[in-house]
Amino acid sequence: TLAQMQETFGLSIEELNTYLRAYLDSLASGEKYKLSVANSLWFRDDESLVIEKDFLQKNADYYNASLYQSAFDKSTLE
């Protein structure tokens, strides 16, 4: 959970996001390898779901996460 991660690392959520972004960037390439990370947030077609813009923006900024909407039925696999 968030509280456990903050306690383990001894960082606030902002500091943790910044640290994890820097860590991902440091892994992205080296002399003998290149790491590509695909992050995305998926949600079901549901008008009752409200996703806060700040949450989406932070996930995009720190983790390069994209947002996808799907019915999560057989059509999702096609």
PDB file of N, CA and C in Angstrom:
ATOM      1  N   THR A   1       0.842  -1.187   0.000  1.00  0.00           N
ATOM      2  CA  THR A   1       0.000   0.000   0.000  1.00  0.00           C
ATOM      3  C   THR A   1       0.881   1.242   0.000  1.00  0.00           C
ATOM      4  N   LEU A   2       0.272   2.376  -0.260  1.00  0.00           N
ATOM      5  CA  LEU A   2       1.016   3.633  -0.262  1.00  0.00           C
ATOM      6  C   LEU A   2       1.686   3.886   1.081  1.00  0.00           C
ATOM      7  N   ALA A   3       0.944   3.701   2.157  1.00  0.00           N
ATOM      8  CA  ALA A   3       1.507   3.955   3.493  1.00  0.00           C
ATOM      9  C   ALA A   3       2.719   3.066   3.759  1.00  0.00           C
ATOM     10  N   GLN A   4       2.647   1.814   3.340  1.00  0.00           N
ATOM     11  CA  GLN A   4       3.773   0.901   3.543  1.00  0.00           C
ATOM     12  C   GLN A   4       4.980   1.309   2.707  1.00  0.00           C
ATOM     13  N   MET A   5       4.745   1.748   1.480  1.00  0.00           N
ATOM     14  CA  MET A   5       5.858   2.194   0.636  1.00  0.00           C
ATOM     15  C   MET A   5       6.502   3.446   1.218  1.00  0.00           C
ATOM     16  N   GLN A   6       5.672   4.383   1.689  1.00  0.00           N
ATOM     17  CA  GLN A   6       6.215   5.604   2.283  1.00  0.00           C
ATOM     18  C   GLN A   6       7.022   5.275   3.536  1.00  0.00           C
ATOM     19  N   GLU A   7       6.525   4.351   4.336  1.00  0.00           N
ATOM     20  CA  GLU A   7       7.237   3.978   5.558  1.00  0.00           C
ATOM     21  C   GLU A   7       8.554   3.271   5.222  1.00  0.00           C
ATOM     22  N   THR A   8       8.517   2.370   4.262  1.00  0.00           N
ATOM     23  CA  THR A   8       9.710   1.619   3.879  1.00  0.00           C
ATOM     24  C   THR A   8      10.794   2.532   3.330  1.00  0.00           C
ATOM     25  N   PHE A   9      10.411   3.441   2.441  1.00  0.00           N
ATOM     26  CA  PHE A   9      11.390   4.327   1.818  1.00  0.00           C
ATOM     27  C   PHE A   9      11.665   5.579   2.638  1.00  0.00           C
ATOM     28  N   GLY A  10      10.772   5.910   3.564  1.00  0.00           N
ATOM     29  CA  GLY A  10      10.935   7.129   4.348  1.00  0.00           C
ATOM     30  C   GLY A  10      10.763   8.383   3.509  1.00  0.00           C
ATOM     31  N   LEU A  11       9.855   8.316   2.526  1.00  0.00           N
ATOM     32  CA  LEU A  11       9.648   9.424   1.594  1.00  0.00           C
ATOM     33  C   LEU A  11       8.172   9.795   1.526  1.00  0.00           C
ATOM     34  N   SER A  12       7.903  11.061   1.208  1.00  0.00           N
ATOM     35  CA  SER A  12       6.534  11.491   0.932  1.00  0.00           C
ATOM     36  C   SER A  12       6.139  10.952  -0.440  1.00  0.00           C
ATOM     37  N   ILE A  13       4.877  11.065  -0.802  1.00  0.00           N
ATOM     38  CA  ILE A  13       4.427  10.587  -2.107  1.00  0.00           C
ATOM     39  C   ILE A  13       5.125  11.338  -3.239  1.00  0.00           C
ATOM     40  N   GLU A  14       5.314  12.643  -3.092  1.00  0.00           N
ATOM     41  CA  GLU A  14       6.020  13.414  -4.125  1.00  0.00           C
ATOM     42  C   GLU A  14       7.461  12.947  -4.259  1.00  0.00           C
ATOM     43  N   GLU A  15       8.131  12.761  -3.130  1.00  0.00           N
ATOM     44  CA  GLU A  15       9.519  12.298  -3.154  1.00  0.00           C
ATOM     45  C   GLU A  15       9.608  10.886  -3.734  1.00  0.00           C
ATOM     46  N   LEU A  16       8.651  10.047  -3.390  1.00  0.00           N
ATOM     47  CA  LEU A  16       8.629   8.684  -3.902  1.00  0.00           C
ATOM     48  C   LEU A  16       8.420   8.670  -5.411  1.00  0.00           C
ATOM     49  N   ASN A  17       7.469   9.470  -5.906  1.00  0.00           N
ATOM     50  CA  ASN A  17       7.248   9.563  -7.350  1.00  0.00           C
ATOM     51  C   ASN A  17       8.496  10.054  -8.071  1.00  0.00           C
ATOM     52  N   THR A  18       9.134  11.075  -7.526  1.00  0.00           N
ATOM     53  CA  THR A  18      10.352  11.621  -8.137  1.00  0.00           C
ATOM     54  C   THR A  18      11.461  10.574  -8.148  1.00  0.00           C
ATOM     55  N   TYR A  19      11.624   9.871  -7.033  1.00  0.00           N
ATOM     56  CA  TYR A  19      12.654   8.833  -6.939  1.00  0.00           C
ATOM     57  C   TYR A  19      12.398   7.713  -7.952  1.00  0.00           C
ATOM     58  N   LEU A  20      11.146   7.236  -8.016  1.00  0.00           N
ATOM     59  CA  LEU A  20      10.832   6.143  -8.927  1.00  0.00           C
ATOM     60  C   LEU A  20      10.988   6.562 -10.383  1.00  0.00           C
ATOM     61  N   ARG A  21      10.669   7.820 -10.701  1.00  0.00           N
ATOM     62  CA  ARG A  21      10.874   8.320 -12.068  1.00  0.00           C
ATOM     63  C   ARG A  21      12.363   8.314 -12.407  1.00  0.00           C
ATOM     64  N   ALA A  22      13.183   8.804 -11.488  1.00  0.00           N
ATOM     65  CA  ALA A  22      14.634   8.822 -11.710  1.00  0.00           C
ATOM     66  C   ALA A  22      15.167   7.394 -11.843  1.00  0.00           C
ATOM     67  N   TYR A  23      14.645   6.482 -11.035  1.00  0.00           N
ATOM     68  CA  TYR A  23      15.075   5.085 -11.102  1.00  0.00           C
ATOM     69  C   TYR A  23      14.719   4.479 -12.456  1.00  0.00           C
ATOM     70  N   LEU A  24      13.488   4.705 -12.923  1.00  0.00           N
ATOM     71  CA  LEU A  24      13.096   4.200 -14.238  1.00  0.00           C
ATOM     72  C   LEU A  24      13.980   4.780 -15.330  1.00  0.00           C
ATOM     73  N   ASP A  25      14.272   6.066 -15.243  1.00  0.00           N
ATOM     74  CA  ASP A  25      15.136   6.706 -16.233  1.00  0.00           C
ATOM     75  C   ASP A  25      16.535   6.109 -16.212  1.00  0.00           C
ATOM     76  N   SER A  26      17.040   5.787 -15.017  1.00  0.00           N
ATOM     77  CA  SER A  26      18.392   5.232 -14.913  1.00  0.00           C
ATOM     78  C   SER A  26      18.468   3.825 -15.499  1.00  0.00           C
ATOM     79  N   LEU A  27      17.350   3.116 -15.524  1.00  0.00           N
ATOM     80  CA  LEU A  27      17.324   1.766 -16.079  1.00  0.00           C
ATOM     81  C   LEU A  27      17.104   1.746 -17.586  1.00  0.00           C
ATOM     82  N   ALA A  28      16.710   2.870 -18.132  1.00  0.00           N
ATOM     83  CA  ALA A  28      16.270   2.916 -19.525  1.00  0.00           C
ATOM     84  C   ALA A  28      17.329   2.454 -20.516  1.00  0.00           C
ATOM     85  N   SER A  29      18.590   2.724 -20.235  1.00  0.00           N
ATOM     86  CA  SER A  29      19.610   2.279 -21.178  1.00  0.00           C
ATOM     87  C   SER A  29      20.958   2.170 -20.493  1.00  0.00           C
ATOM     88  N   GLY A  30      21.760   1.345 -21.054  1.00  0.00           N
ATOM     89  CA  GLY A  30      23.117   1.153 -20.577  1.00  0.00           C
ATOM     90  C   GLY A  30      23.977   0.777 -21.765  1.00  0.00           C
ATOM     91  N   GLU A  31      25.208   0.427 -21.495  1.00  0.00           N
ATOM     92  CA  GLU A  31      26.109   0.075 -22.589  1.00  0.00           C
ATOM     93  C   GLU A  31      25.657  -1.179 -23.327  1.00  0.00           C
ATOM     94  N   LYS A  32      25.107  -2.137 -22.597  1.00  0.00           N
ATOM     95  CA  LYS A  32      24.789  -3.426 -23.201  1.00  0.00           C
ATOM     96  C   LYS A  32      23.297  -3.733 -23.263  1.00  0.00           C
ATOM     97  N   TYR A  33      22.464  -2.813 -22.855  1.00  0.00           N
ATOM     98  CA  TYR A  33      21.040  -3.110 -22.832  1.00  0.00           C
ATOM     99  C   TYR A  33      20.213  -1.845 -22.994  1.00  0.00           C
ATOM    100  N   LYS A  34      18.951  -2.048 -23.303  1.00  0.00           N
ATOM    101  CA  LYS A  34      17.971  -0.966 -23.332  1.00  0.00           C
ATOM    102  C   LYS A  34      16.684  -1.522 -22.739  1.00  0.00           C
ATOM    103  N   LEU A  35      16.116  -0.826 -21.781  1.00  0.00           N
ATOM    104  CA  LEU A  35      14.880  -1.246 -21.127  1.00  0.00           C
ATOM    105  C   LEU A  35      13.737  -0.349 -21.583  1.00  0.00           C
ATOM    106  N   SER A  36      12.666  -0.959 -22.032  1.00  0.00           N
ATOM    107  CA  SER A  36      11.456  -0.224 -22.381  1.00  0.00           C
ATOM    108  C   SER A  36      10.359  -0.653 -21.419  1.00  0.00           C
ATOM    109  N   VAL A  37       9.706   0.313 -20.805  1.00  0.00           N
ATOM    110  CA  VAL A  37       8.643   0.035 -19.848  1.00  0.00           C
ATOM    111  C   VAL A  37       7.330   0.540 -20.436  1.00  0.00           C
ATOM    112  N   ALA A  38       6.326  -0.315 -20.423  1.00  0.00           N
ATOM    113  CA  ALA A  38       5.008   0.064 -20.933  1.00  0.00           C
ATOM    114  C   ALA A  38       4.048   0.170 -19.752  1.00  0.00           C
ATOM    115  N   ASN A  39       3.676   1.368 -19.407  1.00  0.00           N
ATOM    116  CA  ASN A  39       2.747   1.601 -18.302  1.00  0.00           C
ATOM    117  C   ASN A  39       1.427   2.112 -18.853  1.00  0.00           C
ATOM    118  N   SER A  40       0.351   1.593 -18.309  1.00  0.00           N
ATOM    119  CA  SER A  40      -0.963   2.075 -18.721  1.00  0.00           C
ATOM    120  C   SER A  40      -1.970   1.843 -17.602  1.00  0.00           C
ATOM    121  N   LEU A  41      -2.989   2.660 -17.615  1.00  0.00           N
ATOM    122  CA  LEU A  41      -4.116   2.542 -16.690  1.00  0.00           C
ATOM    123  C   LEU A  41      -5.333   2.166 -17.525  1.00  0.00           C
ATOM    124  N   TRP A  42      -6.005   1.105 -17.129  1.00  0.00           N
ATOM    125  CA  TRP A  42      -7.182   0.637 -17.850  1.00  0.00           C
ATOM    126  C   TRP A  42      -8.405   0.751 -16.952  1.00  0.00           C
ATOM    127  N   PHE A  43      -9.523   1.108 -17.543  1.00  0.00           N
ATOM    128  CA  PHE A  43     -10.762   1.156 -16.775  1.00  0.00           C
ATOM    129  C   PHE A  43     -11.921   0.677 -17.634  1.00  0.00           C
ATOM    130  N   ARG A  44     -12.936   0.176 -16.964  1.00  0.00           N
ATOM    131  CA  ARG A  44     -14.121  -0.372 -17.624  1.00  0.00           C
ATOM    132  C   ARG A  44     -15.023   0.768 -18.102  1.00  0.00           C
ATOM    133  N   ASP A  45     -15.701   0.526 -19.228  1.00  0.00           N
ATOM    134  CA  ASP A  45     -16.722   1.465 -19.704  1.00  0.00           C
ATOM    135  C   ASP A  45     -17.774   1.611 -18.619  1.00  0.00           C
ATOM    136  N   ASP A  46     -17.708   2.673 -17.877  1.00  0.00           N
ATOM    137  CA  ASP A  46     -18.647   2.857 -16.770  1.00  0.00           C
ATOM    138  C   ASP A  46     -18.750   4.348 -16.489  1.00  0.00           C
ATOM    139  N   GLU A  47     -19.910   4.905 -16.742  1.00  0.00           N
ATOM    140  CA  GLU A  47     -20.086   6.345 -16.570  1.00  0.00           C
ATOM    141  C   GLU A  47     -20.004   6.782 -15.117  1.00  0.00           C
ATOM    142  N   SER A  48     -20.145   5.844 -14.182  1.00  0.00           N
ATOM    143  CA  SER A  48     -20.106   6.220 -12.766  1.00  0.00           C
ATOM    144  C   SER A  48     -18.678   6.407 -12.251  1.00  0.00           C
ATOM    145  N   LEU A  49     -17.700   5.952 -13.015  1.00  0.00           N
ATOM    146  CA  LEU A  49     -16.308   6.071 -12.590  1.00  0.00           C
ATOM    147  C   LEU A  49     -15.797   7.483 -12.848  1.00  0.00           C
ATOM    148  N   VAL A  50     -15.246   8.086 -11.818  1.00  0.00           N
ATOM    149  CA  VAL A  50     -14.657   9.418 -11.939  1.00  0.00           C
ATOM    150  C   VAL A  50     -13.176   9.300 -11.602  1.00  0.00           C
ATOM    151  N   ILE A  51     -12.327   9.663 -12.550  1.00  0.00           N
ATOM    152  CA  ILE A  51     -10.884   9.607 -12.335  1.00  0.00           C
ATOM    153  C   ILE A  51     -10.377  11.039 -12.236  1.00  0.00           C
ATOM    154  N   GLU A  52      -9.720  11.347 -11.154  1.00  0.00           N
ATOM    155  CA  GLU A  52      -9.243  12.710 -10.945  1.00  0.00           C
ATOM    156  C   GLU A  52      -8.113  13.043 -11.914  1.00  0.00           C
ATOM    157  N   LYS A  53      -8.191  14.234 -12.491  1.00  0.00           N
ATOM    158  CA  LYS A  53      -7.199  14.671 -13.473  1.00  0.00           C
ATOM    159  C   LYS A  53      -5.795  14.701 -12.888  1.00  0.00           C
ATOM    160  N   ASP A  54      -5.670  15.061 -11.624  1.00  0.00           N
ATOM    161  CA  ASP A  54      -4.360  15.108 -10.977  1.00  0.00           C
ATOM    162  C   ASP A  54      -3.724  13.716 -10.929  1.00  0.00           C
ATOM    163  N   PHE A  55      -4.527  12.694 -10.651  1.00  0.00           N
ATOM    164  CA  PHE A  55      -4.039  11.314 -10.631  1.00  0.00           C
ATOM    165  C   PHE A  55      -3.520  10.915 -12.005  1.00  0.00           C
ATOM    166  N   LEU A  56      -4.294  11.210 -13.043  1.00  0.00           N
ATOM    167  CA  LEU A  56      -3.887  10.877 -14.404  1.00  0.00           C
ATOM    168  C   LEU A  56      -2.624  11.625 -14.805  1.00  0.00           C
ATOM    169  N   GLN A  57      -2.557  12.906 -14.441  1.00  0.00           N
ATOM    170  CA  GLN A  57      -1.399  13.712 -14.807  1.00  0.00           C
ATOM    171  C   GLN A  57      -0.130  13.207 -14.131  1.00  0.00           C
ATOM    172  N   LYS A  58      -0.223  12.878 -12.857  1.00  0.00           N
ATOM    173  CA  LYS A  58       0.958  12.361 -12.141  1.00  0.00           C
ATOM    174  C   LYS A  58       1.418  11.037 -12.725  1.00  0.00           C
ATOM    175  N   ASN A  59       0.484  10.173 -13.085  1.00  0.00           N
ATOM    176  CA  ASN A  59       0.866   8.904 -13.698  1.00  0.00           C
ATOM    177  C   ASN A  59       1.507   9.114 -15.062  1.00  0.00           C
ATOM    178  N   ALA A  60       1.045  10.099 -15.795  1.00  0.00           N
ATOM    179  CA  ALA A  60       1.664  10.420 -17.081  1.00  0.00           C
ATOM    180  C   ALA A  60       3.046  11.033 -16.876  1.00  0.00           C
ATOM    181  N   ASP A  61       3.159  11.972 -15.948  1.00  0.00           N
ATOM    182  CA  ASP A  61       4.426  12.675 -15.721  1.00  0.00           C
ATOM    183  C   ASP A  61       5.515  11.772 -15.159  1.00  0.00           C
ATOM    184  N   TYR A  62       5.185  11.004 -14.145  1.00  0.00           N
ATOM    185  CA  TYR A  62       6.197  10.207 -13.447  1.00  0.00           C
ATOM    186  C   TYR A  62       6.423   8.829 -14.063  1.00  0.00           C
ATOM    187  N   TYR A  63       5.383   8.252 -14.662  1.00  0.00           N
ATOM    188  CA  TYR A  63       5.476   6.862 -15.112  1.00  0.00           C
ATOM    189  C   TYR A  63       5.161   6.672 -16.592  1.00  0.00           C
ATOM    190  N   ASN A  64       4.958   7.777 -17.313  1.00  0.00           N
ATOM    191  CA  ASN A  64       4.610   7.720 -18.738  1.00  0.00           C
ATOM    192  C   ASN A  64       3.411   6.809 -18.994  1.00  0.00           C
ATOM    193  N   ALA A  65       2.456   6.812 -18.099  1.00  0.00           N
ATOM    194  CA  ALA A  65       1.287   5.938 -18.215  1.00  0.00           C
ATOM    195  C   ALA A  65       0.219   6.573 -19.096  1.00  0.00           C
ATOM    196  N   SER A  66      -0.352   5.755 -19.950  1.00  0.00           N
ATOM    197  CA  SER A  66      -1.462   6.172 -20.798  1.00  0.00           C
ATOM    198  C   SER A  66      -2.759   5.633 -20.206  1.00  0.00           C
ATOM    199  N   LEU A  67      -3.875   6.186 -20.628  1.00  0.00           N
ATOM    200  CA  LEU A  67      -5.187   5.802 -20.113  1.00  0.00           C
ATOM    201  C   LEU A  67      -5.985   5.131 -21.223  1.00  0.00           C
ATOM    202  N   TYR A  68      -6.590   3.985 -20.893  1.00  0.00           N
ATOM    203  CA  TYR A  68      -7.389   3.251 -21.863  1.00  0.00           C
ATOM    204  C   TYR A  68      -8.716   2.849 -21.235  1.00  0.00           C
ATOM    205  N   GLN A  69      -9.758   2.961 -22.032  1.00  0.00           N
ATOM    206  CA  GLN A  69     -11.100   2.576 -21.605  1.00  0.00           C
ATOM    207  C   GLN A  69     -11.509   1.346 -22.407  1.00  0.00           C
ATOM    208  N   SER A  70     -12.110   0.367 -21.741  1.00  0.00           N
ATOM    209  CA  SER A  70     -12.513  -0.856 -22.424  1.00  0.00           C
ATOM    210  C   SER A  70     -13.746  -1.450 -21.757  1.00  0.00           C
ATOM    211  N   ALA A  71     -14.456  -2.258 -22.506  1.00  0.00           N
ATOM    212  CA  ALA A  71     -15.643  -2.929 -21.969  1.00  0.00           C
ATOM    213  C   ALA A  71     -15.259  -4.130 -21.099  1.00  0.00           C
ATOM    214  N   PHE A  72     -14.024  -4.620 -21.209  1.00  0.00           N
ATOM    215  CA  PHE A  72     -13.555  -5.803 -20.485  1.00  0.00           C
ATOM    216  C   PHE A  72     -14.462  -7.009 -20.734  1.00  0.00           C
ATOM    217  N   ASP A  73     -14.777  -7.212 -22.004  1.00  0.00           N
ATOM    218  CA  ASP A  73     -15.510  -8.397 -22.419  1.00  0.00           C
ATOM    219  C   ASP A  73     -14.728  -9.039 -23.568  1.00  0.00           C
ATOM    220  N   LYS A  74     -15.349  -9.925 -24.322  1.00  0.00           N
ATOM    221  CA  LYS A  74     -14.631 -10.604 -25.411  1.00  0.00           C
ATOM    222  C   LYS A  74     -14.096  -9.626 -26.451  1.00  0.00           C
ATOM    223  N   SER A  75     -14.780  -8.501 -26.643  1.00  0.00           N
ATOM    224  CA  SER A  75     -14.322  -7.523 -27.637  1.00  0.00           C
ATOM    225  C   SER A  75     -12.991  -6.895 -27.239  1.00  0.00           C
ATOM    226  N   THR A  76     -12.667  -6.904 -25.959  1.00  0.00           N
ATOM    227  CA  THR A  76     -11.400  -6.346 -25.486  1.00  0.00           C
ATOM    228  C   THR A  76     -10.229  -7.146 -26.036  1.00  0.00           C
ATOM    229  N   LEU A  77     -10.415  -8.427 -26.238  1.00  0.00           N
ATOM    230  CA  LEU A  77      -9.348  -9.294 -26.728  1.00  0.00           C
ATOM    231  C   LEU A  77      -9.101  -9.145 -28.218  1.00  0.00           C
ATOM    232  N   GLU A  78     -10.041  -8.556 -28.924  1.00  0.00           N
ATOM    233  CA  GLU A  78      -9.916  -8.447 -30.384  1.00  0.00           C
ATOM    234  C   GLU A  78      -9.138  -7.235 -30.807  1.00  0.00           C
TER     235      GLU A  78
END
